[in-house]
């Protein structure tokens, strides 16, 4: 998994992000959040979807980060995934 997340290949990176979303551990969400700022829109969207799929957000630590990112992005797909993660 670490190899996928460190990959410069966008498809491999997205695959790693999807795996993290399926596992659904709280620490996985911590790993996903930095990818919301990735320069590739596809990677950022995949990270947002994986955060929403994980369904585990620690409201004390992670929700403020997701809310802040909501304010900074204009991509509707990312915003919707972030809102789903906060529900």
PDB file of N, CA and C in Angstrom:
ATOM      1  N   UNK A   1       0.836  -1.192   0.000  1.00  0.00           N
ATOM      2  CA  UNK A   1       0.000   0.000   0.000  1.00  0.00           C
ATOM      3  C   UNK A   1       0.879   1.253   0.000  1.00  0.00           C
ATOM      4  N   UNK A   2       1.954   1.211   0.765  1.00  0.00           N
ATOM      5  CA  UNK A   2       2.858   2.358   0.831  1.00  0.00           C
ATOM      6  C   UNK A   2       3.453   2.672  -0.540  1.00  0.00           C
ATOM      7  N   UNK A   3       3.752   1.630  -1.305  1.00  0.00           N
ATOM      8  CA  UNK A   3       4.302   1.819  -2.654  1.00  0.00           C
ATOM      9  C   UNK A   3       3.293   2.533  -3.542  1.00  0.00           C
ATOM     10  N   UNK A   4       2.020   2.163  -3.417  1.00  0.00           N
ATOM     11  CA  UNK A   4       0.977   2.812  -4.218  1.00  0.00           C
ATOM     12  C   UNK A   4       0.829   4.278  -3.828  1.00  0.00           C
ATOM     13  N   UNK A   5       0.856   4.558  -2.539  1.00  0.00           N
ATOM     14  CA  UNK A   5       0.664   5.937  -2.074  1.00  0.00           C
ATOM     15  C   UNK A   5       1.861   6.831  -2.387  1.00  0.00           C
ATOM     16  N   UNK A   6       3.021   6.242  -2.569  1.00  0.00           N
ATOM     17  CA  UNK A   6       4.216   7.012  -2.915  1.00  0.00           C
ATOM     18  C   UNK A   6       4.464   7.081  -4.422  1.00  0.00           C
ATOM     19  N   UNK A   7       3.612   6.431  -5.185  1.00  0.00           N
ATOM     20  CA  UNK A   7       3.793   6.353  -6.632  1.00  0.00           C
ATOM     21  C   UNK A   7       3.587   7.705  -7.313  1.00  0.00           C
ATOM     22  N   UNK A   8       4.336   7.916  -8.374  1.00  0.00           N
ATOM     23  CA  UNK A   8       4.136   9.100  -9.201  1.00  0.00           C
ATOM     24  C   UNK A   8       3.098   8.824 -10.302  1.00  0.00           C
ATOM     25  N   UNK A   9       2.725   7.563 -10.433  1.00  0.00           N
ATOM     26  CA  UNK A   9       1.698   7.171 -11.392  1.00  0.00           C
ATOM     27  C   UNK A   9       0.333   7.457 -10.774  1.00  0.00           C
ATOM     28  N   UNK A  10      -0.440   8.306 -11.423  1.00  0.00           N
ATOM     29  CA  UNK A  10      -1.730   8.740 -10.885  1.00  0.00           C
ATOM     30  C   UNK A  10      -2.690   7.582 -10.652  1.00  0.00           C
ATOM     31  N   UNK A  11      -2.718   6.606 -11.559  1.00  0.00           N
ATOM     32  CA  UNK A  11      -3.622   5.464 -11.410  1.00  0.00           C
ATOM     33  C   UNK A  11      -3.251   4.621 -10.190  1.00  0.00           C
ATOM     34  N   UNK A  12      -1.959   4.411  -9.987  1.00  0.00           N
ATOM     35  CA  UNK A  12      -1.511   3.642  -8.829  1.00  0.00           C
ATOM     36  C   UNK A  12      -1.827   4.385  -7.531  1.00  0.00           C
ATOM     37  N   UNK A  13      -1.599   5.677  -7.535  1.00  0.00           N
ATOM     38  CA  UNK A  13      -1.888   6.495  -6.358  1.00  0.00           C
ATOM     39  C   UNK A  13      -3.378   6.440  -6.025  1.00  0.00           C
ATOM     40  N   UNK A  14      -4.218   6.582  -7.018  1.00  0.00           N
ATOM     41  CA  UNK A  14      -5.674   6.518  -6.802  1.00  0.00           C
ATOM     42  C   UNK A  14      -6.094   5.142  -6.284  1.00  0.00           C
ATOM     43  N   UNK A  15      -5.445   4.096  -6.763  1.00  0.00           N
ATOM     44  CA  UNK A  15      -5.749   2.752  -6.295  1.00  0.00           C
ATOM     45  C   UNK A  15      -5.436   2.636  -4.795  1.00  0.00           C
ATOM     46  N   UNK A  16      -4.307   3.178  -4.379  1.00  0.00           N
ATOM     47  CA  UNK A  16      -3.948   3.167  -2.966  1.00  0.00           C
ATOM     48  C   UNK A  16      -4.940   3.943  -2.125  1.00  0.00           C
ATOM     49  N   UNK A  17      -5.390   5.084  -2.630  1.00  0.00           N
ATOM     50  CA  UNK A  17      -6.369   5.896  -1.909  1.00  0.00           C
ATOM     51  C   UNK A  17      -7.701   5.161  -1.779  1.00  0.00           C
ATOM     52  N   UNK A  18      -8.098   4.462  -2.821  1.00  0.00           N
ATOM     53  CA  UNK A  18      -9.346   3.691  -2.779  1.00  0.00           C
ATOM     54  C   UNK A  18      -9.258   2.574  -1.746  1.00  0.00           C
ATOM     55  N   UNK A  19      -8.111   1.919  -1.668  1.00  0.00           N
ATOM     56  CA  UNK A  19      -7.923   0.843  -0.688  1.00  0.00           C
ATOM     57  C   UNK A  19      -8.072   1.390   0.727  1.00  0.00           C
ATOM     58  N   UNK A  20      -7.501   2.557   0.985  1.00  0.00           N
ATOM     59  CA  UNK A  20      -7.626   3.163   2.308  1.00  0.00           C
ATOM     60  C   UNK A  20      -9.086   3.438   2.657  1.00  0.00           C
ATOM     61  N   UNK A  21      -9.870   3.863   1.671  1.00  0.00           N
ATOM     62  CA  UNK A  21     -11.283   4.140   1.909  1.00  0.00           C
ATOM     63  C   UNK A  21     -12.074   2.888   2.237  1.00  0.00           C
ATOM     64  N   UNK A  22     -11.697   1.780   1.649  1.00  0.00           N
ATOM     65  CA  UNK A  22     -12.406   0.523   1.888  1.00  0.00           C
ATOM     66  C   UNK A  22     -12.101  -0.007   3.284  1.00  0.00           C
ATOM     67  N   UNK A  23     -10.866   0.156   3.728  1.00  0.00           N
ATOM     68  CA  UNK A  23     -10.483  -0.355   5.041  1.00  0.00           C
ATOM     69  C   UNK A  23     -11.244   0.355   6.156  1.00  0.00           C
ATOM     70  N   UNK A  24     -11.477   1.650   6.020  1.00  0.00           N
ATOM     71  CA  UNK A  24     -12.326   2.384   6.942  1.00  0.00           C
ATOM     72  C   UNK A  24     -11.816   2.559   8.353  1.00  0.00           C
ATOM     73  N   UNK A  25     -10.526   2.635   8.525  1.00  0.00           N
ATOM     74  CA  UNK A  25      -9.951   2.877   9.850  1.00  0.00           C
ATOM     75  C   UNK A  25      -9.758   4.375  10.061  1.00  0.00           C
ATOM     76  N   UNK A  26      -9.872   4.835  11.297  1.00  0.00           N
ATOM     77  CA  UNK A  26      -9.725   6.261  11.596  1.00  0.00           C
ATOM     78  C   UNK A  26      -8.348   6.784  11.186  1.00  0.00           C
ATOM     79  N   UNK A  27      -7.313   5.982  11.392  1.00  0.00           N
ATOM     80  CA  UNK A  27      -5.976   6.441  11.016  1.00  0.00           C
ATOM     81  C   UNK A  27      -5.817   6.521   9.493  1.00  0.00           C
ATOM     82  N   UNK A  28      -6.638   5.775   8.752  1.00  0.00           N
ATOM     83  CA  UNK A  28      -6.602   5.865   7.291  1.00  0.00           C
ATOM     84  C   UNK A  28      -7.108   7.223   6.820  1.00  0.00           C
ATOM     85  N   UNK A  29      -8.099   7.754   7.506  1.00  0.00           N
ATOM     86  CA  UNK A  29      -8.616   9.080   7.158  1.00  0.00           C
ATOM     87  C   UNK A  29      -7.523  10.119   7.375  1.00  0.00           C
ATOM     88  N   UNK A  30      -6.743   9.945   8.425  1.00  0.00           N
ATOM     89  CA  UNK A  30      -5.613  10.852   8.657  1.00  0.00           C
ATOM     90  C   UNK A  30      -4.645  10.827   7.484  1.00  0.00           C
ATOM     91  N   UNK A  31      -4.448   9.660   6.895  1.00  0.00           N
ATOM     92  CA  UNK A  31      -3.554   9.535   5.742  1.00  0.00           C
ATOM     93  C   UNK A  31      -4.162  10.123   4.470  1.00  0.00           C
ATOM     94  N   UNK A  32      -5.474  10.091   4.368  1.00  0.00           N
ATOM     95  CA  UNK A  32      -6.160  10.561   3.163  1.00  0.00           C
ATOM     96  C   UNK A  32      -6.259  12.079   3.075  1.00  0.00           C
ATOM     97  N   UNK A  33      -6.421  12.737   4.190  1.00  0.00           N
ATOM     98  CA  UNK A  33      -6.675  14.178   4.190  1.00  0.00           C
ATOM     99  C   UNK A  33      -5.627  14.992   3.421  1.00  0.00           C
ATOM    100  N   UNK A  34      -4.326  14.722   3.563  1.00  0.00           N
ATOM    101  CA  UNK A  34      -3.353  15.527   2.798  1.00  0.00           C
ATOM    102  C   UNK A  34      -3.526  15.421   1.278  1.00  0.00           C
ATOM    103  N   UNK A  35      -4.084  14.320   0.815  1.00  0.00           N
ATOM    104  CA  UNK A  35      -4.270  14.141  -0.626  1.00  0.00           C
ATOM    105  C   UNK A  35      -5.395  15.019  -1.185  1.00  0.00           C
ATOM    106  N   UNK A  36      -6.201  15.610  -0.317  1.00  0.00           N
ATOM    107  CA  UNK A  36      -7.224  16.544  -0.798  1.00  0.00           C
ATOM    108  C   UNK A  36      -6.593  17.751  -1.478  1.00  0.00           C
ATOM    109  N   UNK A  37      -5.355  18.054  -1.135  1.00  0.00           N
ATOM    110  CA  UNK A  37      -4.660  19.203  -1.715  1.00  0.00           C
ATOM    111  C   UNK A  37      -3.735  18.820  -2.879  1.00  0.00           C
ATOM    112  N   UNK A  38      -3.858  17.593  -3.339  1.00  0.00           N
ATOM    113  CA  UNK A  38      -3.000  17.124  -4.429  1.00  0.00           C
ATOM    114  C   UNK A  38      -3.267  17.943  -5.685  1.00  0.00           C
ATOM    115  N   UNK A  39      -2.218  18.250  -6.467  1.00  0.00           N
ATOM    116  CA  UNK A  39      -2.423  19.060  -7.680  1.00  0.00           C
ATOM    117  C   UNK A  39      -3.319  18.399  -8.732  1.00  0.00           C
ATOM    118  N   UNK A  40      -3.396  17.075  -8.701  1.00  0.00           N
ATOM    119  CA  UNK A  40      -4.256  16.369  -9.651  1.00  0.00           C
ATOM    120  C   UNK A  40      -5.688  16.346  -9.120  1.00  0.00           C
ATOM    121  N   UNK A  41      -6.616  16.851  -9.904  1.00  0.00           N
ATOM    122  CA  UNK A  41      -8.022  16.857  -9.511  1.00  0.00           C
ATOM    123  C   UNK A  41      -8.534  15.432  -9.318  1.00  0.00           C
ATOM    124  N   UNK A  42      -8.083  14.514 -10.138  1.00  0.00           N
ATOM    125  CA  UNK A  42      -8.502  13.116 -10.032  1.00  0.00           C
ATOM    126  C   UNK A  42      -8.059  12.517  -8.695  1.00  0.00           C
ATOM    127  N   UNK A  43      -6.840  12.800  -8.282  1.00  0.00           N
ATOM    128  CA  UNK A  43      -6.328  12.290  -7.008  1.00  0.00           C
ATOM    129  C   UNK A  43      -7.110  12.913  -5.853  1.00  0.00           C
ATOM    130  N   UNK A  44      -7.334  14.203  -5.902  1.00  0.00           N
ATOM    131  CA  UNK A  44      -8.075  14.894  -4.846  1.00  0.00           C
ATOM    132  C   UNK A  44      -9.505  14.358  -4.751  1.00  0.00           C
ATOM    133  N   UNK A  45     -10.142  14.122  -5.885  1.00  0.00           N
ATOM    134  CA  UNK A  45     -11.500  13.569  -5.877  1.00  0.00           C
ATOM    135  C   UNK A  45     -11.522  12.166  -5.292  1.00  0.00           C
ATOM    136  N   UNK A  46     -10.529  11.359  -5.644  1.00  0.00           N
ATOM    137  CA  UNK A  46     -10.450   9.995  -5.120  1.00  0.00           C
ATOM    138  C   UNK A  46     -10.240  10.012  -3.615  1.00  0.00           C
ATOM    139  N   UNK A  47      -9.395  10.905  -3.138  1.00  0.00           N
ATOM    140  CA  UNK A  47      -9.164  11.023  -1.695  1.00  0.00           C
ATOM    141  C   UNK A  47     -10.451  11.424  -0.984  1.00  0.00           C
ATOM    142  N   UNK A  48     -11.174  12.375  -1.531  1.00  0.00           N
ATOM    143  CA  UNK A  48     -12.431  12.827  -0.922  1.00  0.00           C
ATOM    144  C   UNK A  48     -13.459  11.697  -0.889  1.00  0.00           C
ATOM    145  N   UNK A  49     -13.567  10.948  -1.971  1.00  0.00           N
ATOM    146  CA  UNK A  49     -14.507   9.824  -2.014  1.00  0.00           C
ATOM    147  C   UNK A  49     -14.121   8.757  -0.999  1.00  0.00           C
ATOM    148  N   UNK A  50     -12.831   8.521  -0.849  1.00  0.00           N
ATOM    149  CA  UNK A  50     -12.371   7.508   0.098  1.00  0.00           C
ATOM    150  C   UNK A  50     -12.628   7.934   1.536  1.00  0.00           C
ATOM    151  N   UNK A  51     -12.481   9.220   1.803  1.00  0.00           N
ATOM    152  CA  UNK A  51     -12.794   9.727   3.138  1.00  0.00           C
ATOM    153  C   UNK A  51     -14.281   9.521   3.429  1.00  0.00           C
ATOM    154  N   UNK A  52     -15.129   9.810   2.448  1.00  0.00           N
ATOM    155  CA  UNK A  52     -16.573   9.624   2.624  1.00  0.00           C
ATOM    156  C   UNK A  52     -16.917   8.147   2.806  1.00  0.00           C
ATOM    157  N   UNK A  53     -16.251   7.268   2.053  1.00  0.00           N
ATOM    158  CA  UNK A  53     -16.519   5.829   2.161  1.00  0.00           C
ATOM    159  C   UNK A  53     -16.074   5.279   3.497  1.00  0.00           C
ATOM    160  N   UNK A  54     -14.961   5.782   3.989  1.00  0.00           N
ATOM    161  CA  UNK A  54     -14.449   5.278   5.261  1.00  0.00           C
ATOM    162  C   UNK A  54     -15.486   5.477   6.349  1.00  0.00           C
ATOM    163  N   UNK A  55     -16.217   6.587   6.264  1.00  0.00           N
ATOM    164  CA  UNK A  55     -17.319   6.820   7.184  1.00  0.00           C
ATOM    165  C   UNK A  55     -16.908   7.027   8.632  1.00  0.00           C
ATOM    166  N   UNK A  56     -15.629   7.232   8.847  1.00  0.00           N
ATOM    167  CA  UNK A  56     -15.138   7.424  10.207  1.00  0.00           C
ATOM    168  C   UNK A  56     -14.378   8.735  10.250  1.00  0.00           C
ATOM    169  N   UNK A  57     -14.992   9.755  10.787  1.00  0.00           N
ATOM    170  CA  UNK A  57     -14.271  11.011  10.971  1.00  0.00           C
ATOM    171  C   UNK A  57     -14.318  11.381  12.437  1.00  0.00           C
ATOM    172  N   UNK A  58     -13.166  11.589  12.969  1.00  0.00           N
ATOM    173  CA  UNK A  58     -13.048  12.014  14.359  1.00  0.00           C
ATOM    174  C   UNK A  58     -13.400  13.492  14.389  1.00  0.00           C
ATOM    175  N   UNK A  59     -14.567  13.811  14.921  1.00  0.00           N
ATOM    176  CA  UNK A  59     -15.061  15.180  14.837  1.00  0.00           C
ATOM    177  C   UNK A  59     -14.133  16.189  15.494  1.00  0.00           C
ATOM    178  N   UNK A  60     -13.349  15.753  16.446  1.00  0.00           N
ATOM    179  CA  UNK A  60     -12.448  16.677  17.125  1.00  0.00           C
ATOM    180  C   UNK A  60     -11.261  17.036  16.238  1.00  0.00           C
ATOM    181  N   UNK A  61     -10.701  16.056  15.555  1.00  0.00           N
ATOM    182  CA  UNK A  61      -9.492  16.302  14.772  1.00  0.00           C
ATOM    183  C   UNK A  61      -9.740  16.486  13.283  1.00  0.00           C
ATOM    184  N   UNK A  62     -10.563  15.647  12.713  1.00  0.00           N
ATOM    185  CA  UNK A  62     -10.657  15.594  11.263  1.00  0.00           C
ATOM    186  C   UNK A  62     -11.732  16.492  10.661  1.00  0.00           C
ATOM    187  N   UNK A  63     -12.839  16.638  11.317  1.00  0.00           N
ATOM    188  CA  UNK A  63     -13.922  17.459  10.772  1.00  0.00           C
ATOM    189  C   UNK A  63     -13.494  18.895  10.499  1.00  0.00           C
ATOM    190  N   UNK A  64     -12.768  19.562  11.402  1.00  0.00           N
ATOM    191  CA  UNK A  64     -12.338  20.933  11.088  1.00  0.00           C
ATOM    192  C   UNK A  64     -11.449  21.013   9.844  1.00  0.00           C
ATOM    193  N   UNK A  65     -10.632  19.994   9.636  1.00  0.00           N
ATOM    194  CA  UNK A  65      -9.781  19.980   8.436  1.00  0.00           C
ATOM    195  C   UNK A  65     -10.620  19.830   7.172  1.00  0.00           C
ATOM    196  N   UNK A  66     -11.622  18.981   7.248  1.00  0.00           N
ATOM    197  CA  UNK A  66     -12.502  18.776   6.095  1.00  0.00           C
ATOM    198  C   UNK A  66     -13.329  20.032   5.823  1.00  0.00           C
ATOM    199  N   UNK A  67     -13.821  20.654   6.862  1.00  0.00           N
ATOM    200  CA  UNK A  67     -14.594  21.897   6.702  1.00  0.00           C
ATOM    201  C   UNK A  67     -13.729  22.984   6.083  1.00  0.00           C
ATOM    202  N   UNK A  68     -12.510  23.101   6.533  1.00  0.00           N
ATOM    203  CA  UNK A  68     -11.594  24.100   5.977  1.00  0.00           C
ATOM    204  C   UNK A  68     -11.355  23.835   4.491  1.00  0.00           C
ATOM    205  N   UNK A  69     -11.201  22.567   4.139  1.00  0.00           N
ATOM    206  CA  UNK A  69     -10.996  22.246   2.731  1.00  0.00           C
ATOM    207  C   UNK A  69     -12.244  22.560   1.911  1.00  0.00           C
ATOM    208  N   UNK A  70     -13.424  22.350   2.486  1.00  0.00           N
ATOM    209  CA  UNK A  70     -14.673  22.711   1.800  1.00  0.00           C
ATOM    210  C   UNK A  70     -14.682  24.179   1.411  1.00  0.00           C
ATOM    211  N   UNK A  71     -14.166  25.007   2.283  1.00  0.00           N
ATOM    212  CA  UNK A  71     -14.111  26.447   2.006  1.00  0.00           C
ATOM    213  C   UNK A  71     -13.140  26.782   0.887  1.00  0.00           C
ATOM    214  N   UNK A  72     -12.140  25.957   0.699  1.00  0.00           N
ATOM    215  CA  UNK A  72     -11.071  26.281  -0.231  1.00  0.00           C
ATOM    216  C   UNK A  72     -11.263  25.704  -1.628  1.00  0.00           C
ATOM    217  N   UNK A  73     -12.115  24.712  -1.773  1.00  0.00           N
ATOM    218  CA  UNK A  73     -12.274  24.087  -3.079  1.00  0.00           C
ATOM    219  C   UNK A  73     -13.575  24.526  -3.747  1.00  0.00           C
ATOM    220  N   UNK A  74     -13.541  24.582  -5.049  1.00  0.00           N
ATOM    221  CA  UNK A  74     -14.747  24.923  -5.799  1.00  0.00           C
ATOM    222  C   UNK A  74     -15.275  23.717  -6.579  1.00  0.00           C
ATOM    223  N   UNK A  75     -14.580  22.576  -6.458  1.00  0.00           N
ATOM    224  CA  UNK A  75     -14.990  21.376  -7.190  1.00  0.00           C
ATOM    225  C   UNK A  75     -16.198  20.738  -6.493  1.00  0.00           C
ATOM    226  N   UNK A  76     -17.300  20.664  -7.194  1.00  0.00           N
ATOM    227  CA  UNK A  76     -18.544  20.160  -6.604  1.00  0.00           C
ATOM    228  C   UNK A  76     -18.454  18.705  -6.180  1.00  0.00           C
ATOM    229  N   UNK A  77     -17.731  17.901  -6.932  1.00  0.00           N
ATOM    230  CA  UNK A  77     -17.613  16.481  -6.602  1.00  0.00           C
ATOM    231  C   UNK A  77     -16.845  16.298  -5.285  1.00  0.00           C
ATOM    232  N   UNK A  78     -15.775  17.048  -5.117  1.00  0.00           N
ATOM    233  CA  UNK A  78     -14.994  16.984  -3.880  1.00  0.00           C
ATOM    234  C   UNK A  78     -15.830  17.515  -2.717  1.00  0.00           C
ATOM    235  N   UNK A  79     -16.525  18.602  -2.940  1.00  0.00           N
ATOM    236  CA  UNK A  79     -17.352  19.196  -1.874  1.00  0.00           C
ATOM    237  C   UNK A  79     -18.429  18.218  -1.412  1.00  0.00           C
ATOM    238  N   UNK A  80     -19.075  17.553  -2.344  1.00  0.00           N
ATOM    239  CA  UNK A  80     -20.120  16.601  -1.999  1.00  0.00           C
ATOM    240  C   UNK A  80     -19.547  15.434  -1.185  1.00  0.00           C
ATOM    241  N   UNK A  81     -18.390  14.929  -1.582  1.00  0.00           N
ATOM    242  CA  UNK A  81     -17.769  13.843  -0.835  1.00  0.00           C
ATOM    243  C   UNK A  81     -17.382  14.288   0.566  1.00  0.00           C
ATOM    244  N   UNK A  82     -16.880  15.498   0.684  1.00  0.00           N
ATOM    245  CA  UNK A  82     -16.522  16.018   2.007  1.00  0.00           C
ATOM    246  C   UNK A  82     -17.757  16.167   2.891  1.00  0.00           C
ATOM    247  N   UNK A  83     -18.850  16.628   2.318  1.00  0.00           N
ATOM    248  CA  UNK A  83     -20.097  16.747   3.087  1.00  0.00           C
ATOM    249  C   UNK A  83     -20.594  15.385   3.540  1.00  0.00           C
ATOM    250  N   UNK A  84     -20.482  14.375   2.673  1.00  0.00           N
ATOM    251  CA  UNK A  84     -20.878  13.021   3.039  1.00  0.00           C
ATOM    252  C   UNK A  84     -20.013  12.506   4.187  1.00  0.00           C
ATOM    253  N   UNK A  85     -18.758  12.851   4.180  1.00  0.00           N
ATOM    254  CA  UNK A  85     -17.848  12.397   5.244  1.00  0.00           C
ATOM    255  C   UNK A  85     -18.222  13.023   6.583  1.00  0.00           C
ATOM    256  N   UNK A  86     -18.806  14.193   6.554  1.00  0.00           N
ATOM    257  CA  UNK A  86     -19.145  14.906   7.785  1.00  0.00           C
ATOM    258  C   UNK A  86     -20.479  14.494   8.388  1.00  0.00           C
ATOM    259  N   UNK A  87     -21.290  13.783   7.631  1.00  0.00           N
ATOM    260  CA  UNK A  87     -22.632  13.448   8.139  1.00  0.00           C
ATOM    261  C   UNK A  87     -22.604  12.500   9.296  1.00  0.00           C
TER     262      UNK A  87
END
